[in-house]
Amino acid sequence: VLMMVLDEAHLLNISVAQSHQGQGWGRYLLVQMMAIGREKGGLNM
C-alpha cells in the first residue's frame, strides 16, 4: 500500500507470504512500489 502526498511517496504496508519469503520477492515488490512512486511524481519515499 502506497500513499502519495504531493511529491512524497509513503509506503504504508508491504508484505510477502512466508512461503515466498527469502526468494527476493520482497525486494521485487519494493522496487515496483518505488517505480510507481516515481511515476506518480514522487521525489522521495
ModelCIF file with pLDDT and N, C-alpha, C, O atoms, coordinates in Angstrom:
data_MODEL
#
_entry.id   MODEL 
#
_entity.id                         1 
_entity.type                       polymer 
_entity.pdbx_number_of_molecules   1 
#
_entity_poly.entity_id                      1 
_entity_poly.type                           'polypeptide(L)' 
_entity_poly.nstd_linkage                   no 
_entity_poly.nstd_monomer                   no 
_entity_poly.pdbx_seq_one_letter_code       VLMMVLDEAHLLNISVAQSHQGQGWGRYLLVQMMAIGREKGGLNM 
_entity_poly.pdbx_seq_one_letter_code_can   VLMMVLDEAHLLNISVAQSHQGQGWGRYLLVQMMAIGREKGGLNM 
_entity_poly.pdbx_strand_id                 A 
#
loop_
_entity_poly_seq.entity_id 
_entity_poly_seq.num 
_entity_poly_seq.mon_id 
_entity_poly_seq.hetero 
1 1  VAL n 
1 2  LEU n 
1 3  MET n 
1 4  MET n 
1 5  VAL n 
1 6  LEU n 
1 7  ASP n 
1 8  GLU n 
1 9  ALA n 
1 10 HIS n 
1 11 LEU n 
1 12 LEU n 
1 13 ASN n 
1 14 ILE n 
1 15 SER n 
1 16 VAL n 
1 17 ALA n 
1 18 GLN n 
1 19 SER n 
1 20 HIS n 
1 21 GLN n 
1 22 GLY n 
1 23 GLN n 
1 24 GLY n 
1 25 TRP n 
1 26 GLY n 
1 27 ARG n 
1 28 TYR n 
1 29 LEU n 
1 30 LEU n 
1 31 VAL n 
1 32 GLN n 
1 33 MET n 
1 34 MET n 
1 35 ALA n 
1 36 ILE n 
1 37 GLY n 
1 38 ARG n 
1 39 GLU n 
1 40 LYS n 
1 41 GLY n 
1 42 GLY n 
1 43 LEU n 
1 44 ASN n 
1 45 MET n 
#
_struct_asym.id          A 
_struct_asym.entity_id   1 
#
loop_
_ma_qa_metric.id 
_ma_qa_metric.mode 
_ma_qa_metric.name 
_ma_qa_metric.software_group_id 
_ma_qa_metric.type 
1 global pLDDT . pLDDT 
2 local  pLDDT . pLDDT 
#
_ma_qa_metric_global.metric_id      1 
_ma_qa_metric_global.metric_value   96.31 
_ma_qa_metric_global.model_id       1 
_ma_qa_metric_global.ordinal_id     1 
#
loop_
_ma_qa_metric_local.label_asym_id 
_ma_qa_metric_local.label_comp_id 
_ma_qa_metric_local.label_seq_id 
_ma_qa_metric_local.metric_id 
_ma_qa_metric_local.metric_value 
_ma_qa_metric_local.model_id 
_ma_qa_metric_local.ordinal_id 
A VAL 1  2 98.00 1 1  
A LEU 2  2 98.00 1 2  
A MET 3  2 98.00 1 3  
A MET 4  2 97.00 1 4  
A VAL 5  2 96.00 1 5  
A LEU 6  2 96.00 1 6  
A ASP 7  2 97.00 1 7  
A GLU 8  2 97.00 1 8  
A ALA 9  2 98.00 1 9  
A HIS 10 2 98.00 1 10 
A LEU 11 2 98.00 1 11 
A LEU 12 2 97.00 1 12 
A ASN 13 2 98.00 1 13 
A ILE 14 2 97.00 1 14 
A SER 15 2 97.00 1 15 
A VAL 16 2 97.00 1 16 
A ALA 17 2 97.00 1 17 
A GLN 18 2 94.00 1 18 
A SER 19 2 93.00 1 19 
A HIS 20 2 94.00 1 20 
A GLN 21 2 92.00 1 21 
A GLY 22 2 91.00 1 22 
A GLN 23 2 92.00 1 23 
A GLY 24 2 93.00 1 24 
A TRP 25 2 95.00 1 25 
A GLY 26 2 95.00 1 26 
A ARG 27 2 96.00 1 27 
A TYR 28 2 96.00 1 28 
A LEU 29 2 96.00 1 29 
A LEU 30 2 97.00 1 30 
A VAL 31 2 97.00 1 31 
A GLN 32 2 96.00 1 32 
A MET 33 2 97.00 1 33 
A MET 34 2 97.00 1 34 
A ALA 35 2 97.00 1 35 
A ILE 36 2 97.00 1 36 
A GLY 37 2 97.00 1 37 
A ARG 38 2 97.00 1 38 
A GLU 39 2 97.00 1 39 
A LYS 40 2 96.00 1 40 
A GLY 41 2 97.00 1 41 
A GLY 42 2 97.00 1 42 
A LEU 43 2 98.00 1 43 
A ASN 44 2 98.00 1 44 
A MET 45 2 98.00 1 45 
#
loop_
_atom_site.group_PDB 
_atom_site.id 
_atom_site.type_symbol 
_atom_site.label_atom_id 
_atom_site.label_alt_id 
_atom_site.label_comp_id 
_atom_site.label_asym_id 
_atom_site.label_entity_id 
_atom_site.label_seq_id 
_atom_site.pdbx_PDB_ins_code 
_atom_site.Cartn_x 
_atom_site.Cartn_y 
_atom_site.Cartn_z 
_atom_site.occupancy 
_atom_site.B_iso_or_equiv 
_atom_site.pdbx_formal_charge 
_atom_site.auth_seq_id 
_atom_site.auth_comp_id 
_atom_site.auth_asym_id 
_atom_site.auth_atom_id 
_atom_site.pdbx_PDB_model_num 
ATOM 1   N N  . VAL A 1 1  ? 0.861  -1.179  0.000   1.00 98.00 ? 1  VAL A N  1 
ATOM 2   C CA . VAL A 1 1  ? 0.000  0.000   0.000   1.00 98.00 ? 1  VAL A CA 1 
ATOM 3   C C  . VAL A 1 1  ? 0.900  1.233   0.000   1.00 98.00 ? 1  VAL A C  1 
ATOM 4   O O  . VAL A 1 1  ? 1.760  1.391   0.867   1.00 98.00 ? 1  VAL A O  1 
ATOM 5   N N  . LEU A 1 2  ? 0.687  2.099   -0.985  1.00 98.00 ? 2  LEU A N  1 
ATOM 6   C CA . LEU A 1 2  ? 1.489  3.312   -1.163  1.00 98.00 ? 2  LEU A CA 1 
ATOM 7   C C  . LEU A 1 2  ? 0.560  4.517   -1.199  1.00 98.00 ? 2  LEU A C  1 
ATOM 8   O O  . LEU A 1 2  ? -0.421 4.532   -1.943  1.00 98.00 ? 2  LEU A O  1 
ATOM 9   N N  . MET A 1 3  ? 0.872  5.517   -0.399  1.00 98.00 ? 3  MET A N  1 
ATOM 10  C CA . MET A 1 3  ? 0.102  6.755   -0.359  1.00 98.00 ? 3  MET A CA 1 
ATOM 11  C C  . MET A 1 3  ? 0.978  7.882   -0.910  1.00 98.00 ? 3  MET A C  1 
ATOM 12  O O  . MET A 1 3  ? 2.121  8.059   -0.489  1.00 98.00 ? 3  MET A O  1 
ATOM 13  N N  . MET A 1 4  ? 0.426  8.633   -1.849  1.00 97.00 ? 4  MET A N  1 
ATOM 14  C CA . MET A 1 4  ? 1.135  9.794   -2.384  1.00 97.00 ? 4  MET A CA 1 
ATOM 15  C C  . MET A 1 4  ? 0.620  11.052  -1.689  1.00 97.00 ? 4  MET A C  1 
ATOM 16  O O  . MET A 1 4  ? -0.588 11.264  -1.582  1.00 97.00 ? 4  MET A O  1 
ATOM 17  N N  . VAL A 1 5  ? 1.549  11.886  -1.218  1.00 96.00 ? 5  VAL A N  1 
ATOM 18  C CA . VAL A 1 5  ? 1.223  13.193  -0.656  1.00 96.00 ? 5  VAL A CA 1 
ATOM 19  C C  . VAL A 1 5  ? 2.125  14.186  -1.375  1.00 96.00 ? 5  VAL A C  1 
ATOM 20  O O  . VAL A 1 5  ? 3.325  14.263  -1.111  1.00 96.00 ? 5  VAL A O  1 
ATOM 21  N N  . LEU A 1 6  ? 1.525  14.943  -2.285  1.00 96.00 ? 6  LEU A N  1 
ATOM 22  C CA . LEU A 1 6  ? 2.271  15.867  -3.135  1.00 96.00 ? 6  LEU A CA 1 
ATOM 23  C C  . LEU A 1 6  ? 3.383  15.098  -3.844  1.00 96.00 ? 6  LEU A C  1 
ATOM 24  O O  . LEU A 1 6  ? 3.094  14.192  -4.625  1.00 96.00 ? 6  LEU A O  1 
ATOM 25  N N  . ASP A 1 7  ? 4.658  15.442  -3.588  1.00 97.00 ? 7  ASP A N  1 
ATOM 26  C CA . ASP A 1 7  ? 5.756  14.739  -4.261  1.00 97.00 ? 7  ASP A CA 1 
ATOM 27  C C  . ASP A 1 7  ? 6.435  13.709  -3.355  1.00 97.00 ? 7  ASP A C  1 
ATOM 28  O O  . ASP A 1 7  ? 7.589  13.341  -3.573  1.00 97.00 ? 7  ASP A O  1 
ATOM 29  N N  . GLU A 1 8  ? 5.701  13.251  -2.337  1.00 97.00 ? 8  GLU A N  1 
ATOM 30  C CA . GLU A 1 8  ? 6.232  12.249  -1.418  1.00 97.00 ? 8  GLU A CA 1 
ATOM 31  C C  . GLU A 1 8  ? 5.449  10.944  -1.536  1.00 97.00 ? 8  GLU A C  1 
ATOM 32  O O  . GLU A 1 8  ? 4.218  10.946  -1.521  1.00 97.00 ? 8  GLU A O  1 
ATOM 33  N N  . ALA A 1 9  ? 6.159  9.851   -1.651  1.00 98.00 ? 9  ALA A N  1 
ATOM 34  C CA . ALA A 1 9  ? 5.562  8.516   -1.661  1.00 98.00 ? 9  ALA A CA 1 
ATOM 35  C C  . ALA A 1 9  ? 5.758  7.919   -0.269  1.00 98.00 ? 9  ALA A C  1 
ATOM 36  O O  . ALA A 1 9  ? 6.880  7.835   0.229   1.00 98.00 ? 9  ALA A O  1 
ATOM 37  N N  . HIS A 1 10 ? 4.665  7.511   0.343   1.00 98.00 ? 10 HIS A N  1 
ATOM 38  C CA . HIS A 1 10 ? 4.722  6.920   1.682   1.00 98.00 ? 10 HIS A CA 1 
ATOM 39  C C  . HIS A 1 10 ? 4.310  5.457   1.586   1.00 98.00 ? 10 HIS A C  1 
ATOM 40  O O  . HIS A 1 10 ? 3.161  5.146   1.273   1.00 98.00 ? 10 HIS A O  1 
ATOM 41  N N  . LEU A 1 11 ? 5.259  4.561   1.859   1.00 98.00 ? 11 LEU A N  1 
ATOM 42  C CA . LEU A 1 11 ? 4.971  3.129   1.847   1.00 98.00 ? 11 LEU A CA 1 
ATOM 43  C C  . LEU A 1 11 ? 4.338  2.783   3.193   1.00 98.00 ? 11 LEU A C  1 
ATOM 44  O O  . LEU A 1 11 ? 5.009  2.800   4.225   1.00 98.00 ? 11 LEU A O  1 
ATOM 45  N N  . LEU A 1 12 ? 3.058  2.474   3.175   1.00 97.00 ? 12 LEU A N  1 
ATOM 46  C CA . LEU A 1 12 ? 2.318  2.239   4.413   1.00 97.00 ? 12 LEU A CA 1 
ATOM 47  C C  . LEU A 1 12 ? 2.346  0.786   4.848   1.00 97.00 ? 12 LEU A C  1 
ATOM 48  O O  . LEU A 1 12 ? 2.303  0.496   6.044   1.00 97.00 ? 12 LEU A O  1 
ATOM 49  N N  . ASN A 1 13 ? 2.417  -0.133  3.888   1.00 98.00 ? 13 ASN A N  1 
ATOM 50  C CA . ASN A 1 13 ? 2.407  -1.556  4.222   1.00 98.00 ? 13 ASN A CA 1 
ATOM 51  C C  . ASN A 1 13 ? 3.009  -2.313  3.042   1.00 98.00 ? 13 ASN A C  1 
ATOM 52  O O  . ASN A 1 13 ? 2.739  -2.000  1.883   1.00 98.00 ? 13 ASN A O  1 
ATOM 53  N N  . ILE A 1 14 ? 3.816  -3.298  3.353   1.00 97.00 ? 14 ILE A N  1 
ATOM 54  C CA . ILE A 1 14 ? 4.356  -4.202  2.331   1.00 97.00 ? 14 ILE A CA 1 
ATOM 55  C C  . ILE A 1 14 ? 4.596  -5.537  3.017   1.00 97.00 ? 14 ILE A C  1 
ATOM 56  O O  . ILE A 1 14 ? 5.141  -5.591  4.119   1.00 97.00 ? 14 ILE A O  1 
ATOM 57  N N  . SER A 1 15 ? 4.186  -6.605  2.360   1.00 97.00 ? 15 SER A N  1 
ATOM 58  C CA . SER A 1 15 ? 4.323  -7.914  2.986   1.00 97.00 ? 15 SER A CA 1 
ATOM 59  C C  . SER A 1 15 ? 4.336  -9.010  1.927   1.00 97.00 ? 15 SER A C  1 
ATOM 60  O O  . SER A 1 15 ? 3.690  -8.902  0.885   1.00 97.00 ? 15 SER A O  1 
ATOM 61  N N  . VAL A 1 16 ? 5.082  -10.059 2.221   1.00 97.00 ? 16 VAL A N  1 
ATOM 62  C CA . VAL A 1 16 ? 5.162  -11.233 1.350   1.00 97.00 ? 16 VAL A CA 1 
ATOM 63  C C  . VAL A 1 16 ? 4.819  -12.451 2.204   1.00 97.00 ? 16 VAL A C  1 
ATOM 64  O O  . VAL A 1 16 ? 5.299  -12.585 3.329   1.00 97.00 ? 16 VAL A O  1 
ATOM 65  N N  . ALA A 1 17 ? 3.988  -13.336 1.661   1.00 97.00 ? 17 ALA A N  1 
ATOM 66  C CA . ALA A 1 17 ? 3.613  -14.564 2.369   1.00 97.00 ? 17 ALA A CA 1 
ATOM 67  C C  . ALA A 1 17 ? 4.870  -15.322 2.784   1.00 97.00 ? 17 ALA A C  1 
ATOM 68  O O  . ALA A 1 17 ? 5.853  -15.361 2.045   1.00 97.00 ? 17 ALA A O  1 
ATOM 69  N N  . GLN A 1 18 ? 4.830  -15.918 3.963   1.00 94.00 ? 18 GLN A N  1 
ATOM 70  C CA . GLN A 1 18 ? 6.009  -16.619 4.476   1.00 94.00 ? 18 GLN A CA 1 
ATOM 71  C C  . GLN A 1 18 ? 6.522  -17.683 3.521   1.00 94.00 ? 18 GLN A C  1 
ATOM 72  O O  . GLN A 1 18 ? 7.732  -17.895 3.432   1.00 94.00 ? 18 GLN A O  1 
ATOM 73  N N  . SER A 1 19 ? 5.633  -18.354 2.808   1.00 93.00 ? 19 SER A N  1 
ATOM 74  C CA . SER A 1 19 ? 6.075  -19.405 1.876   1.00 93.00 ? 19 SER A CA 1 
ATOM 75  C C  . SER A 1 19 ? 6.858  -18.847 0.690   1.00 93.00 ? 19 SER A C  1 
ATOM 76  O O  . SER A 1 19 ? 7.485  -19.607 -0.048  1.00 93.00 ? 19 SER A O  1 
ATOM 77  N N  . HIS A 1 20 ? 6.831  -17.529 0.500   1.00 94.00 ? 20 HIS A N  1 
ATOM 78  C CA . HIS A 1 20 ? 7.550  -16.902 -0.605  1.00 94.00 ? 20 HIS A CA 1 
ATOM 79  C C  . HIS A 1 20 ? 8.684  -15.992 -0.122  1.00 94.00 ? 20 HIS A C  1 
ATOM 80  O O  . HIS A 1 20 ? 9.338  -15.335 -0.932  1.00 94.00 ? 20 HIS A O  1 
ATOM 81  N N  . GLN A 1 21 ? 8.918  -15.950 1.186   1.00 92.00 ? 21 GLN A N  1 
ATOM 82  C CA . GLN A 1 21 ? 9.980  -15.103 1.712   1.00 92.00 ? 21 GLN A CA 1 
ATOM 83  C C  . GLN A 1 21 ? 11.346 -15.730 1.458   1.00 92.00 ? 21 GLN A C  1 
ATOM 84  O O  . GLN A 1 21 ? 11.470 -16.941 1.279   1.00 92.00 ? 21 GLN A O  1 
ATOM 85  N N  . GLY A 1 22 ? 12.368 -14.875 1.447   1.00 91.00 ? 22 GLY A N  1 
ATOM 86  C CA . GLY A 1 22 ? 13.731 -15.342 1.250   1.00 91.00 ? 22 GLY A CA 1 
ATOM 87  C C  . GLY A 1 22 ? 14.065 -15.676 -0.193  1.00 91.00 ? 22 GLY A C  1 
ATOM 88  O O  . GLY A 1 22 ? 15.095 -16.296 -0.459  1.00 91.00 ? 22 GLY A O  1 
ATOM 89  N N  . GLN A 1 23 ? 13.204 -15.275 -1.140  1.00 92.00 ? 23 GLN A N  1 
ATOM 90  C CA . GLN A 1 23 ? 13.410 -15.586 -2.551  1.00 92.00 ? 23 GLN A CA 1 
ATOM 91  C C  . GLN A 1 23 ? 13.540 -14.329 -3.407  1.00 92.00 ? 23 GLN A C  1 
ATOM 92  O O  . GLN A 1 23 ? 13.581 -14.412 -4.635  1.00 92.00 ? 23 GLN A O  1 
ATOM 93  N N  . GLY A 1 24 ? 13.605 -13.165 -2.759  1.00 93.00 ? 24 GLY A N  1 
ATOM 94  C CA . GLY A 1 24 ? 13.756 -11.918 -3.497  1.00 93.00 ? 24 GLY A CA 1 
ATOM 95  C C  . GLY A 1 24 ? 12.448 -11.227 -3.854  1.00 93.00 ? 24 GLY A C  1 
ATOM 96  O O  . GLY A 1 24 ? 12.458 -10.182 -4.505  1.00 93.00 ? 24 GLY A O  1 
ATOM 97  N N  . TRP A 1 25 ? 11.305 -11.804 -3.430  1.00 95.00 ? 25 TRP A N  1 
ATOM 98  C CA . TRP A 1 25 ? 10.029 -11.206 -3.812  1.00 95.00 ? 25 TRP A CA 1 
ATOM 99  C C  . TRP A 1 25 ? 9.729  -9.916  -3.054  1.00 95.00 ? 25 TRP A C  1 
ATOM 100 O O  . TRP A 1 25 ? 9.062  -9.034  -3.595  1.00 95.00 ? 25 TRP A O  1 
ATOM 101 N N  . GLY A 1 26 ? 10.199 -9.785  -1.830  1.00 95.00 ? 26 GLY A N  1 
ATOM 102 C CA . GLY A 1 26 ? 10.027 -8.527  -1.100  1.00 95.00 ? 26 GLY A CA 1 
ATOM 103 C C  . GLY A 1 26 ? 10.774 -7.399  -1.788  1.00 95.00 ? 26 GLY A C  1 
ATOM 104 O O  . GLY A 1 26 ? 10.250 -6.294  -1.933  1.00 95.00 ? 26 GLY A O  1 
ATOM 105 N N  . ARG A 1 27 ? 11.983 -7.677  -2.205  1.00 96.00 ? 27 ARG A N  1 
ATOM 106 C CA . ARG A 1 27 ? 12.782 -6.692  -2.942  1.00 96.00 ? 27 ARG A CA 1 
ATOM 107 C C  . ARG A 1 27 ? 12.095 -6.341  -4.265  1.00 96.00 ? 27 ARG A C  1 
ATOM 108 O O  . ARG A 1 27 ? 12.016 -5.170  -4.638  1.00 96.00 ? 27 ARG A O  1 
ATOM 109 N N  . TYR A 1 28 ? 11.607 -7.346  -4.958  1.00 96.00 ? 28 TYR A N  1 
ATOM 110 C CA . TYR A 1 28 ? 10.901 -7.131  -6.227  1.00 96.00 ? 28 TYR A CA 1 
ATOM 111 C C  . TYR A 1 28 ? 9.697  -6.211  -6.014  1.00 96.00 ? 28 TYR A C  1 
ATOM 112 O O  . TYR A 1 28 ? 9.504  -5.250  -6.758  1.00 96.00 ? 28 TYR A O  1 
ATOM 113 N N  . LEU A 1 29 ? 8.897  -6.510  -5.001  1.00 96.00 ? 29 LEU A N  1 
ATOM 114 C CA . LEU A 1 29 ? 7.701  -5.712  -4.731  1.00 96.00 ? 29 LEU A CA 1 
ATOM 115 C C  . LEU A 1 29 ? 8.080  -4.287  -4.332  1.00 96.00 ? 29 LEU A C  1 
ATOM 116 O O  . LEU A 1 29 ? 7.427  -3.334  -4.757  1.00 96.00 ? 29 LEU A O  1 
ATOM 117 N N  . LEU A 1 30 ? 9.123  -4.131  -3.524  1.00 97.00 ? 30 LEU A N  1 
ATOM 118 C CA . LEU A 1 30 ? 9.584  -2.797  -3.130  1.00 97.00 ? 30 LEU A CA 1 
ATOM 119 C C  . LEU A 1 30 ? 10.055 -2.002  -4.347  1.00 97.00 ? 30 LEU A C  1 
ATOM 120 O O  . LEU A 1 30 ? 9.733  -0.821  -4.471  1.00 97.00 ? 30 LEU A O  1 
ATOM 121 N N  . VAL A 1 31 ? 10.807 -2.631  -5.239  1.00 97.00 ? 31 VAL A N  1 
ATOM 122 C CA . VAL A 1 31 ? 11.272 -1.955  -6.458  1.00 97.00 ? 31 VAL A CA 1 
ATOM 123 C C  . VAL A 1 31 ? 10.076 -1.489  -7.292  1.00 97.00 ? 31 VAL A C  1 
ATOM 124 O O  . VAL A 1 31 ? 10.083 -0.384  -7.834  1.00 97.00 ? 31 VAL A O  1 
ATOM 125 N N  . GLN A 1 32 ? 9.055  -2.335  -7.388  1.00 96.00 ? 32 GLN A N  1 
ATOM 126 C CA . GLN A 1 32 ? 7.861  -1.947  -8.147  1.00 96.00 ? 32 GLN A CA 1 
ATOM 127 C C  . GLN A 1 32 ? 7.162  -0.755  -7.507  1.00 96.00 ? 32 GLN A C  1 
ATOM 128 O O  . GLN A 1 32 ? 6.713  0.151   -8.209  1.00 96.00 ? 32 GLN A O  1 
ATOM 129 N N  . MET A 1 33 ? 7.066  -0.749  -6.183  1.00 97.00 ? 33 MET A N  1 
ATOM 130 C CA . MET A 1 33 ? 6.403  0.364   -5.488  1.00 97.00 ? 33 MET A CA 1 
ATOM 131 C C  . MET A 1 33 ? 7.216  1.655   -5.621  1.00 97.00 ? 33 MET A C  1 
ATOM 132 O O  . MET A 1 33 ? 6.646  2.741   -5.720  1.00 97.00 ? 33 MET A O  1 
ATOM 133 N N  . MET A 1 34 ? 8.534  1.537   -5.624  1.00 97.00 ? 34 MET A N  1 
ATOM 134 C CA . MET A 1 34 ? 9.387  2.713   -5.834  1.00 97.00 ? 34 MET A CA 1 
ATOM 135 C C  . MET A 1 34 ? 9.164  3.270   -7.236  1.00 97.00 ? 34 MET A C  1 
ATOM 136 O O  . MET A 1 34 ? 9.089  4.486   -7.415  1.00 97.00 ? 34 MET A O  1 
ATOM 137 N N  . ALA A 1 35 ? 9.057  2.390   -8.232  1.00 97.00 ? 35 ALA A N  1 
ATOM 138 C CA . ALA A 1 35 ? 8.823  2.822   -9.609  1.00 97.00 ? 35 ALA A CA 1 
ATOM 139 C C  . ALA A 1 35 ? 7.468  3.517   -9.727  1.00 97.00 ? 35 ALA A C  1 
ATOM 140 O O  . ALA A 1 35 ? 7.348  4.530   -10.416 1.00 97.00 ? 35 ALA A O  1 
ATOM 141 N N  . ILE A 1 36 ? 6.461  2.985   -9.068  1.00 97.00 ? 36 ILE A N  1 
ATOM 142 C CA . ILE A 1 36 ? 5.138  3.604   -9.089  1.00 97.00 ? 36 ILE A CA 1 
ATOM 143 C C  . ILE A 1 36 ? 5.191  4.970   -8.425  1.00 97.00 ? 36 ILE A C  1 
ATOM 144 O O  . ILE A 1 36 ? 4.594  5.926   -8.918  1.00 97.00 ? 36 ILE A O  1 
ATOM 145 N N  . GLY A 1 37 ? 5.904  5.067   -7.306  1.00 97.00 ? 37 GLY A N  1 
ATOM 146 C CA . GLY A 1 37 ? 6.057  6.359   -6.637  1.00 97.00 ? 37 GLY A CA 1 
ATOM 147 C C  . GLY A 1 37 ? 6.679  7.390   -7.569  1.00 97.00 ? 37 GLY A C  1 
ATOM 148 O O  . GLY A 1 37 ? 6.226  8.533   -7.622  1.00 97.00 ? 37 GLY A O  1 
ATOM 149 N N  . ARG A 1 38 ? 7.720  6.988   -8.308  1.00 97.00 ? 38 ARG A N  1 
ATOM 150 C CA . ARG A 1 38 ? 8.359  7.891   -9.275  1.00 97.00 ? 38 ARG A CA 1 
ATOM 151 C C  . ARG A 1 38 ? 7.373  8.293   -10.375 1.00 97.00 ? 38 ARG A C  1 
ATOM 152 O O  . ARG A 1 38 ? 7.270  9.466   -10.732 1.00 97.00 ? 38 ARG A O  1 
ATOM 153 N N  . GLU A 1 39 ? 6.647  7.298   -10.908 1.00 97.00 ? 39 GLU A N  1 
ATOM 154 C CA . GLU A 1 39 ? 5.679  7.566   -11.980 1.00 97.00 ? 39 GLU A CA 1 
ATOM 155 C C  . GLU A 1 39 ? 4.603  8.538   -11.544 1.00 97.00 ? 39 GLU A C  1 
ATOM 156 O O  . GLU A 1 39 ? 4.088  9.310   -12.353 1.00 97.00 ? 39 GLU A O  1 
ATOM 157 N N  . LYS A 1 40 ? 4.261  8.502   -10.262 1.00 96.00 ? 40 LYS A N  1 
ATOM 158 C CA . LYS A 1 40 ? 3.217  9.383   -9.726  1.00 96.00 ? 40 LYS A CA 1 
ATOM 159 C C  . LYS A 1 40 ? 3.774  10.744  -9.315  1.00 96.00 ? 40 LYS A C  1 
ATOM 160 O O  . LYS A 1 40 ? 3.058  11.551  -8.723  1.00 96.00 ? 40 LYS A O  1 
ATOM 161 N N  . GLY A 1 41 ? 5.047  11.007  -9.625  1.00 97.00 ? 41 GLY A N  1 
ATOM 162 C CA . GLY A 1 41 ? 5.646  12.302  -9.335  1.00 97.00 ? 41 GLY A CA 1 
ATOM 163 C C  . GLY A 1 41 ? 6.389  12.379  -8.020  1.00 97.00 ? 41 GLY A C  1 
ATOM 164 O O  . GLY A 1 41 ? 6.766  13.467  -7.584  1.00 97.00 ? 41 GLY A O  1 
ATOM 165 N N  . GLY A 1 42 ? 6.606  11.240  -7.380  1.00 97.00 ? 42 GLY A N  1 
ATOM 166 C CA . GLY A 1 42 ? 7.318  11.230  -6.105  1.00 97.00 ? 42 GLY A CA 1 
ATOM 167 C C  . GLY A 1 42 ? 8.804  11.517  -6.283  1.00 97.00 ? 42 GLY A C  1 
ATOM 168 O O  . GLY A 1 42 ? 9.469  10.945  -7.147  1.00 97.00 ? 42 GLY A O  1 
ATOM 169 N N  . LEU A 1 43 ? 9.299  12.405  -5.456  1.00 98.00 ? 43 LEU A N  1 
ATOM 170 C CA . LEU A 1 43 ? 10.735 12.700  -5.439  1.00 98.00 ? 43 LEU A CA 1 
ATOM 171 C C  . LEU A 1 43 ? 11.443 11.932  -4.337  1.00 98.00 ? 43 LEU A C  1 
ATOM 172 O O  . LEU A 1 43 ? 12.639 11.654  -4.430  1.00 98.00 ? 43 LEU A O  1 
ATOM 173 N N  . ASN A 1 44 ? 10.697 11.589  -3.289  1.00 98.00 ? 44 ASN A N  1 
ATOM 174 C CA . ASN A 1 44 ? 11.243 10.853  -2.148  1.00 98.00 ? 44 ASN A CA 1 
ATOM 175 C C  . ASN A 1 44 ? 10.235 9.810   -1.703  1.00 98.00 ? 44 ASN A C  1 
ATOM 176 O O  . ASN A 1 44 ? 9.032  9.961   -1.914  1.00 98.00 ? 44 ASN A O  1 
ATOM 177 N N  . MET A 1 45 ? 10.740 8.749   -1.082  1.00 98.00 ? 45 MET A N  1 
ATOM 178 C CA . MET A 1 45 ? 9.874  7.735   -0.485  1.00 98.00 ? 45 MET A CA 1 
ATOM 179 C C  . MET A 1 45 ? 10.215 7.634   0.986   1.00 98.00 ? 45 MET A C  1 
ATOM 180 O O  . MET A 1 45 ? 9.612  6.839   1.707   1.00 98.00 ? 45 MET A O  1 
#
